[in-house]
């Protein structure tokens, strides 16, 4: 597994080696290309994280993921090839995100603006200053979310 600036690069990781880190038995040696919890964005050789939904929805999502050629992780035991059962899908998801992206909060600065009046103006000024300094930022307000 190659360590990059943002964590491990899964495009060079074999499924069995990744699952070994997660304590999941697997002999599949395919190279994992990505991770998603949404079948609309899923691609072949990705890991599909199946959240707990109704049995009907879960079955539909799993079948769609398998049709695409993905590997499935879920909490409920499902007797289908390429579907792996885990104790906590939330815990596994957190580990996968950290392996793929690294520690997302390591270089994150959060600035909160409070008060009765002027919050939007102060946020807009701060956004301009950060932009001039070449910093990437996200502004979340009552009426909009902007990412620069």
Protein backbone atom coordinates (compact mmCIF):
# COMPACT_ATOMS: atom_id res chain seq x y z
CA UNK A 1 0.00 0.00 0.00
CA UNK A 2 1.49 3.36 -1.00
CA UNK A 3 1.27 6.18 1.52
CA UNK A 4 0.57 9.52 -0.10
CA UNK A 5 0.01 13.01 1.23
CA UNK A 6 -3.67 12.24 1.81
CA UNK A 7 -3.32 8.70 3.12
CA UNK A 8 -3.06 5.41 1.32
CA UNK A 9 -3.59 5.33 -2.39
CA UNK A 10 -6.16 2.58 -2.83
CA UNK A 11 -5.66 2.41 -6.59
CA UNK A 12 -2.56 0.34 -5.89
CA UNK A 13 -3.99 -1.79 -3.08
CA UNK A 14 -5.11 -5.38 -3.43
CA UNK A 15 -8.44 -6.14 -1.82
CA UNK A 16 -7.09 -9.02 0.27
CA UNK A 17 -4.32 -6.82 1.72
CA UNK A 18 -6.73 -4.01 2.52
CA UNK A 19 -9.24 -6.38 4.12
CA UNK A 20 -6.42 -7.97 6.13
CA UNK A 21 -5.90 -4.54 7.76
CA UNK A 22 -9.61 -4.49 8.57
CA UNK A 23 -9.56 -8.08 9.92
CA UNK A 24 -11.83 -9.34 7.13
CA UNK A 25 -10.99 -12.68 5.54
CA UNK A 26 -10.65 -12.37 1.78
CA UNK A 27 -8.64 -14.09 -0.95
CA UNK A 28 -9.65 -11.72 -3.78
CA UNK A 29 -6.50 -10.02 -5.14
CA UNK A 30 -8.16 -7.46 -7.39
CA UNK A 31 -6.85 -3.89 -7.21
CA UNK A 32 -9.30 -1.57 -5.45
CA UNK A 33 -10.05 1.61 -7.38
CA UNK A 34 -12.24 3.55 -4.93
CA UNK A 35 -14.90 3.59 -2.24
CA UNK A 36 -18.52 4.74 -2.29
CA UNK A 37 -21.69 4.39 -0.26
CA UNK A 38 -23.86 5.43 -3.21
CA UNK A 39 -24.50 2.97 -6.04
CA UNK A 40 -25.12 5.88 -8.45
CA UNK A 41 -21.39 6.76 -8.31
CA UNK A 42 -20.04 3.24 -7.91
CA UNK A 43 -17.62 1.73 -10.45
CA UNK A 44 -16.07 -1.66 -11.14
CA UNK A 45 -13.53 -2.80 -8.54
CA UNK A 46 -14.72 -0.26 -5.97
CA UNK A 47 -15.82 -1.04 -2.43
CA UNK A 48 -19.49 -0.36 -1.81
CA UNK A 49 -20.30 0.46 1.82
CA UNK A 50 -23.92 -0.57 2.35
CA UNK A 51 -25.51 1.33 5.23
CA UNK A 52 -28.34 -0.18 7.24
CA UNK A 53 -31.55 0.43 5.35
CA UNK A 54 -34.66 -1.69 4.84
CA UNK A 55 -34.05 -5.27 3.70
CA UNK A 56 -35.63 -4.54 0.31
CA UNK A 57 -33.47 -1.45 -0.27
CA UNK A 58 -30.35 -3.22 0.93
CA UNK A 59 -30.95 -6.15 -1.42
CA UNK A 60 -31.52 -3.78 -4.35
CA UNK A 61 -28.40 -1.76 -3.58
CA UNK A 62 -26.25 -4.87 -3.15
CA UNK A 63 -27.49 -6.40 -6.42
CA UNK A 64 -26.77 -3.12 -8.24
CA UNK A 65 -23.27 -2.92 -6.73
CA UNK A 66 -22.51 -6.51 -7.73
CA UNK A 67 -23.88 -5.93 -11.25
CA UNK A 68 -21.40 -3.05 -11.59
CA UNK A 69 -18.54 -5.27 -10.38
CA UNK A 70 -18.01 -3.83 -6.90
CA UNK A 71 -17.22 -5.53 -3.60
CA UNK A 72 -19.83 -5.01 -0.86
CA UNK A 73 -19.42 -4.42 2.86
CA UNK A 74 -22.53 -4.61 5.06
CA UNK A 75 -23.60 -5.54 8.59
CA UNK A 76 -26.35 -8.01 7.68
CA UNK A 77 -25.32 -11.50 6.58
CA UNK A 78 -26.00 -11.80 2.84
CA UNK A 79 -25.21 -15.05 1.03
CA UNK A 80 -23.87 -13.61 -2.24
CA UNK A 81 -20.40 -13.67 -3.75
CA UNK A 82 -18.28 -10.57 -3.11
CA UNK A 83 -20.41 -9.51 -0.12
CA UNK A 84 -18.54 -9.28 3.17
CA UNK A 85 -20.17 -8.96 6.58
CA UNK A 86 -18.71 -6.65 9.22
CA UNK A 87 -19.74 -5.95 12.82
CA UNK A 88 -19.92 -2.16 12.46
CA UNK A 89 -20.26 -0.56 9.05
CA UNK A 90 -19.73 2.86 10.65
CA UNK A 91 -16.41 1.86 12.24
CA UNK A 92 -15.20 0.22 9.02
CA UNK A 93 -16.23 3.30 7.02
CA UNK A 94 -14.22 5.57 9.31
CA UNK A 95 -11.13 3.38 8.90
CA UNK A 96 -11.54 3.22 5.11
CA UNK A 97 -11.93 7.01 4.88
CA UNK A 98 -8.80 7.53 6.96
CA UNK A 99 -6.83 4.99 4.91
CA UNK A 100 -7.91 6.63 1.67
CA UNK A 101 -7.85 10.32 2.58
CA UNK A 102 -5.62 10.42 5.66
CA UNK A 103 -6.55 12.52 8.68
CA UNK A 104 -8.99 15.01 7.17
CA UNK A 105 -8.88 17.29 10.22
CA UNK A 106 -5.09 17.49 10.46
CA UNK A 107 -4.84 20.64 8.30
CA UNK A 108 -8.32 22.01 8.96
CA UNK A 109 -8.91 25.39 10.53
CA UNK A 110 -12.44 26.28 11.64
CA UNK A 111 -13.47 29.88 12.27
CA UNK A 112 -16.85 30.57 13.87
CA UNK A 113 -18.46 33.98 13.57
CA UNK A 114 -21.14 34.78 16.14
CA UNK A 115 -23.17 37.78 17.16
CA UNK A 116 -26.41 39.56 16.38
CA UNK A 117 -25.44 41.58 13.31
CA UNK A 118 -22.73 41.49 10.65
CA UNK A 119 -21.91 37.78 10.51
CA UNK A 120 -22.46 37.48 6.75
CA UNK A 121 -20.39 40.60 6.05
CA UNK A 122 -17.52 39.42 8.26
CA UNK A 123 -17.63 35.98 6.61
CA UNK A 124 -17.55 37.59 3.15
CA UNK A 125 -14.55 39.76 4.10
CA UNK A 126 -12.75 36.79 5.59
CA UNK A 127 -13.48 34.77 2.44
CA UNK A 128 -11.86 37.49 0.30
CA UNK A 129 -8.78 37.69 2.53
CA UNK A 130 -8.34 33.92 2.54
CA UNK A 131 -8.78 33.82 -1.23
CA UNK A 132 -6.13 36.55 -1.69
CA UNK A 133 -3.78 34.51 0.52
CA UNK A 134 -4.30 31.49 -1.72
CA UNK A 135 -6.11 29.46 0.92
CA UNK A 136 -8.90 27.04 0.04
CA UNK A 137 -11.98 27.52 2.15
CA UNK A 138 -15.62 26.72 2.62
CA UNK A 139 -18.18 29.19 3.89
CA UNK A 140 -21.36 27.80 5.38
CA UNK A 141 -24.14 30.30 6.02
CA UNK A 142 -27.87 30.39 6.45
CA UNK A 143 -28.59 30.76 2.74
CA UNK A 144 -25.62 29.18 0.99
CA UNK A 145 -22.59 26.93 1.09
CA UNK A 146 -19.61 28.14 -0.92
CA UNK A 147 -16.42 26.22 -1.50
CA UNK A 148 -13.42 28.00 -2.98
